[in-house]
Amino acid sequence: MDTSITVKVISGLMILLLIIRLLGKKELSQFTPFDFVYLLVIGGFLEESVYDEKVSVWEVLYTIILWAILIYFIEAIVRKFDKIKPIIKGEPAIIINDGELNIKELKRNKLESEQLRTMLRQQGIFSIKELKFAILEPNGQLSIMKNEAYSPVTAEMLHLHPAKSSLSHQLIDEGRIKEKNLKFIDKDREWLLSQLNKEGYRDIQEIFYAEWSEESGFTIKTNS
């Protein structure tokens, strides 16, 4: 039994290294969801078969080699046919286009506005007003291009004096008031409704996204 386990583990490791080579020289952050599935399935094969005496070494080898061959052909097809690549690997999605939040792409990629804000904060962006473009990559990462007005280097080179920056707070998410955020900035619902009326918005349900900062005021995106 010990010999069988040893052979299974060694064989599995060799095939796993081969599959990693087939996936190419990528960092883990560059792996697409399909790439992770490849490796997870291999791990499942090994986990289920190593200590199962009913599964022979040859069955393990056959299963893993077959899986590796399938991966090889899928990768080859993806490289050869551009039309198939988006289906298998996914494609970039422009979430913010020329400073405008693309709600349709946000929903299509099952990305909530607060998730988007979290991803932006991780890159040092605290308001969508700072961005010109934001692209959701197939691996789930967010690539950004800052608006020229919010580029520190450009402002310094042109001797500009941009307004003092302050933290923005999301106050409305898909027609719902975020009471916790209102409380954090020491405001209440009445204040928010009054400010929205001044901005020309009387129905909260028509607002998809609204953020506010002390320096810049409101940034509002409606459902239309």
Protein backbone atom coordinates (compact mmCIF):
# COMPACT_ATOMS: atom_id res chain seq x y z
CA MET A 1 0.00 0.00 0.00
CA ASP A 2 2.83 2.43 0.89
CA THR A 3 4.47 1.86 -2.50
CA SER A 4 1.17 2.51 -4.27
CA ILE A 5 0.66 5.79 -2.41
CA THR A 6 4.23 6.88 -3.19
CA VAL A 7 3.83 6.19 -6.90
CA LYS A 8 0.47 7.97 -7.00
CA VAL A 9 1.84 11.06 -5.28
CA ILE A 10 4.96 11.23 -7.46
CA SER A 11 2.95 10.66 -10.64
CA GLY A 12 0.38 13.26 -9.63
CA LEU A 13 3.09 15.81 -8.87
CA MET A 14 4.78 15.28 -12.25
CA ILE A 15 1.52 15.68 -14.15
CA LEU A 16 0.62 18.73 -12.05
CA LEU A 17 3.93 20.37 -12.99
CA LEU A 18 3.21 19.55 -16.63
CA ILE A 19 -0.21 21.20 -16.44
CA ILE A 20 1.27 24.32 -14.84
CA ARG A 21 3.69 24.49 -17.78
CA LEU A 22 0.77 24.13 -20.20
CA LEU A 23 -0.92 27.11 -18.57
CA GLY A 24 2.17 29.18 -19.33
CA LYS A 25 4.30 31.50 -17.24
CA LYS A 26 1.67 33.37 -15.29
CA GLU A 27 1.55 34.85 -11.84
CA LEU A 28 -1.27 33.57 -9.66
CA SER A 29 -2.94 36.97 -9.99
CA GLN A 30 -3.07 36.47 -13.77
CA PHE A 31 -4.91 33.15 -13.57
CA THR A 32 -8.45 33.23 -14.92
CA PRO A 33 -11.25 31.35 -13.10
CA PHE A 34 -10.87 28.53 -15.64
CA ASP A 35 -7.17 28.19 -14.85
CA PHE A 36 -7.97 27.75 -11.16
CA VAL A 37 -10.63 25.17 -12.00
CA TYR A 38 -8.03 23.14 -13.93
CA LEU A 39 -5.79 22.92 -10.88
CA LEU A 40 -8.60 22.41 -8.38
CA VAL A 41 -9.95 19.43 -10.34
CA ILE A 42 -6.48 17.87 -10.44
CA GLY A 43 -6.21 18.35 -6.69
CA GLY A 44 -9.58 16.64 -6.29
CA PHE A 45 -8.45 13.68 -8.40
CA LEU A 46 -5.36 13.20 -6.27
CA GLU A 47 -7.13 13.67 -2.96
CA GLU A 48 -9.78 11.07 -3.76
CA SER A 49 -7.44 8.47 -5.22
CA VAL A 50 -4.20 8.51 -3.20
CA TYR A 51 -5.58 6.62 -0.18
CA ASP A 52 -8.21 4.62 -2.04
CA GLU A 53 -6.89 1.09 -2.49
CA LYS A 54 -9.56 0.34 -5.10
CA VAL A 55 -8.05 2.97 -7.39
CA SER A 56 -4.90 1.71 -9.09
CA VAL A 57 -1.88 3.76 -10.04
CA TRP A 58 -2.73 3.28 -13.72
CA GLU A 59 -6.23 4.62 -13.20
CA VAL A 60 -4.81 7.69 -11.49
CA LEU A 61 -2.33 8.22 -14.31
CA TYR A 62 -5.00 7.75 -16.97
CA THR A 63 -7.36 10.23 -15.31
CA ILE A 64 -4.74 12.92 -14.80
CA ILE A 65 -3.15 12.48 -18.23
CA LEU A 66 -6.57 12.64 -19.90
CA TRP A 67 -7.32 15.83 -17.99
CA ALA A 68 -3.96 17.30 -19.01
CA ILE A 69 -4.63 16.48 -22.68
CA LEU A 70 -8.04 18.16 -22.48
CA ILE A 71 -6.45 21.26 -20.96
CA TYR A 72 -3.80 21.29 -23.69
CA PHE A 73 -6.43 21.19 -26.45
CA ILE A 74 -8.57 23.84 -24.77
CA GLU A 75 -5.55 26.17 -24.44
CA ALA A 76 -4.60 25.51 -28.08
CA ILE A 77 -8.14 26.24 -29.29
CA VAL A 78 -8.31 29.44 -27.23
CA ARG A 79 -5.03 30.68 -28.74
CA LYS A 80 -6.10 29.85 -32.29
CA PHE A 81 -9.69 31.08 -32.35
CA ASP A 82 -10.28 34.60 -31.04
CA LYS A 83 -14.07 34.21 -31.04
CA ILE A 84 -13.88 31.30 -28.60
CA LYS A 85 -11.48 33.00 -26.18
CA PRO A 86 -14.11 35.28 -24.55
CA ILE A 87 -16.37 32.27 -23.92
CA ILE A 88 -13.64 30.20 -22.26
CA LYS A 89 -11.38 32.81 -20.68
CA GLY A 90 -13.68 35.82 -20.47
CA GLU A 91 -12.98 39.31 -21.77
CA PRO A 92 -12.29 42.74 -20.28
CA ALA A 93 -15.31 44.84 -19.34
CA ILE A 94 -15.23 48.64 -19.27
CA ILE A 95 -16.86 49.51 -15.95
CA ILE A 96 -16.08 53.24 -16.09
CA ASN A 97 -15.95 54.76 -19.56
CA ASP A 98 -14.66 58.31 -19.97
CA GLY A 99 -15.63 59.12 -16.39
CA GLU A 100 -19.12 57.58 -16.61
CA LEU A 101 -20.12 54.54 -14.54
CA ASN A 102 -21.39 51.81 -16.89
CA ILE A 103 -24.26 50.31 -14.91
CA LYS A 104 -25.06 47.74 -17.60
CA GLU A 105 -21.52 46.27 -17.46
CA LEU A 106 -21.56 46.43 -13.67
CA LYS A 107 -24.69 44.28 -13.54
CA ARG A 108 -23.59 41.97 -16.36
CA ASN A 109 -20.45 41.09 -14.41
CA LYS A 110 -22.43 40.58 -11.17
CA LEU A 111 -20.40 43.34 -9.51
CA GLU A 112 -22.04 45.40 -6.78
CA SER A 113 -21.22 49.07 -6.50
CA GLU A 114 -19.76 48.61 -3.01
CA GLN A 115 -17.50 45.83 -4.33
CA LEU A 116 -16.32 48.23 -7.02
CA ARG A 117 -15.59 50.86 -4.38
CA THR A 118 -13.59 48.34 -2.37
CA MET A 119 -11.49 47.44 -5.41
CA LEU A 120 -10.89 51.13 -6.10
CA ARG A 121 -9.91 51.89 -2.50
CA GLN A 122 -7.34 49.10 -2.67
CA GLN A 123 -5.71 51.10 -5.46
CA GLY A 124 -5.87 54.38 -3.58
CA ILE A 125 -8.99 55.67 -5.38
CA PHE A 126 -11.71 56.98 -3.07
CA SER A 127 -14.15 58.42 -5.61
CA ILE A 128 -15.16 57.42 -9.13
CA LYS A 129 -14.76 61.09 -10.05
CA GLU A 130 -11.00 60.49 -10.02
CA LEU A 131 -11.20 58.00 -12.89
CA LYS A 132 -11.40 58.28 -16.63
CA PHE A 133 -11.46 54.53 -17.30
CA ALA A 134 -11.78 51.39 -15.17
CA ILE A 135 -11.56 47.98 -16.83
CA LEU A 136 -12.49 44.71 -15.14
CA GLU A 137 -10.00 42.13 -16.40
CA PRO A 138 -10.85 38.44 -17.02
CA ASN A 139 -8.91 37.47 -13.87
CA GLY A 140 -11.11 39.73 -11.74
CA GLN A 141 -8.60 42.52 -11.25
CA LEU A 142 -9.38 46.15 -11.97
CA SER A 143 -7.19 48.25 -14.28
CA ILE A 144 -7.63 52.00 -13.98
CA MET A 145 -6.72 55.23 -15.75
CA LYS A 146 -7.02 58.36 -13.67
CA ASN A 147 -8.73 61.49 -14.86
CA GLU A 148 -6.14 64.09 -15.88
CA ALA A 149 -7.45 66.52 -13.28
CA TYR A 150 -6.69 64.04 -10.48
CA SER A 151 -3.17 63.16 -11.58
CA PRO A 152 -0.73 64.50 -8.95
CA VAL A 153 2.15 64.66 -11.45
CA THR A 154 0.12 66.61 -14.02
CA ALA A 155 -1.16 69.01 -11.39
CA GLU A 156 2.33 69.66 -10.10
CA MET A 157 3.82 70.08 -13.56
CA LEU A 158 1.12 72.61 -14.49
CA HIS A 159 1.38 74.35 -11.11
CA LEU A 160 -2.26 73.70 -10.45
CA HIS A 161 -3.84 73.89 -7.02
CA PRO A 162 -6.51 71.18 -6.90
CA ALA A 163 -9.14 71.28 -4.19
CA LYS A 164 -8.33 69.58 -0.92
CA SER A 165 -9.20 65.90 -1.16
CA SER A 166 -11.59 64.26 1.27
CA LEU A 167 -13.07 60.82 1.76
CA SER A 168 -16.25 60.16 -0.20
CA HIS A 169 -19.16 58.21 1.27
CA GLN A 170 -21.73 56.17 -0.62
CA LEU A 171 -25.15 57.30 0.55
CA ILE A 172 -27.43 55.54 -1.95
CA ASP A 173 -26.97 52.08 -3.39
CA GLU A 174 -29.49 50.98 -6.05
CA GLY A 175 -32.27 53.16 -4.67
CA ARG A 176 -31.58 52.32 -1.02
CA ILE A 177 -30.27 54.82 1.53
CA LYS A 178 -27.22 53.60 3.42
CA GLU A 179 -28.22 54.69 6.90
CA LYS A 180 -24.94 53.58 8.47
CA ASN A 181 -22.92 55.85 6.18
CA LEU A 182 -25.26 58.76 6.88
CA LYS A 183 -24.74 58.26 10.60
CA PHE A 184 -20.97 58.10 10.09
CA ILE A 185 -20.91 61.59 8.51
CA ASP A 186 -23.27 62.85 11.22
CA LYS A 187 -26.16 63.43 8.81
CA ASP A 188 -29.73 62.13 8.69
CA ARG A 189 -32.33 61.09 6.12
CA GLU A 190 -33.98 64.52 6.12
CA TRP A 191 -30.67 66.19 5.25
CA LEU A 192 -30.07 63.75 2.41
CA LEU A 193 -33.56 64.21 0.93
CA SER A 194 -33.20 67.98 1.16
CA GLN A 195 -29.83 67.91 -0.61
CA LEU A 196 -31.12 65.61 -3.33
CA ASN A 197 -34.08 67.95 -3.93
CA LYS A 198 -31.61 70.81 -4.44
CA GLU A 199 -29.81 68.62 -6.98
CA GLY A 200 -33.13 68.02 -8.78
CA TYR A 201 -33.84 64.49 -7.58
CA ARG A 202 -37.15 63.84 -5.85
CA ASP A 203 -37.44 60.06 -6.14
CA ILE A 204 -34.65 58.03 -4.50
CA GLN A 205 -35.69 54.95 -6.47
CA GLU A 206 -34.44 56.54 -9.66
CA ILE A 207 -30.92 56.90 -8.22
CA PHE A 208 -28.62 53.93 -8.77
CA TYR A 209 -25.55 55.37 -7.07
CA ALA A 210 -24.88 58.47 -5.00
CA GLU A 211 -21.74 59.43 -3.12
CA TRP A 212 -20.91 62.59 -1.19
CA SER A 213 -17.76 64.25 0.05
CA GLU A 214 -17.34 67.42 2.06
CA GLU A 215 -15.17 69.06 -0.57
CA SER A 216 -16.77 67.87 -3.83
CA GLY A 217 -20.41 67.46 -2.83
CA PHE A 218 -22.55 64.88 -4.62
CA THR A 219 -21.78 62.49 -7.45
CA ILE A 220 -25.02 60.92 -8.66
CA LYS A 221 -25.82 58.28 -11.28
CA THR A 222 -29.42 57.47 -12.13
CA ASN A 223 -30.83 54.19 -13.45
CA SER A 224 -31.45 55.67 -16.89
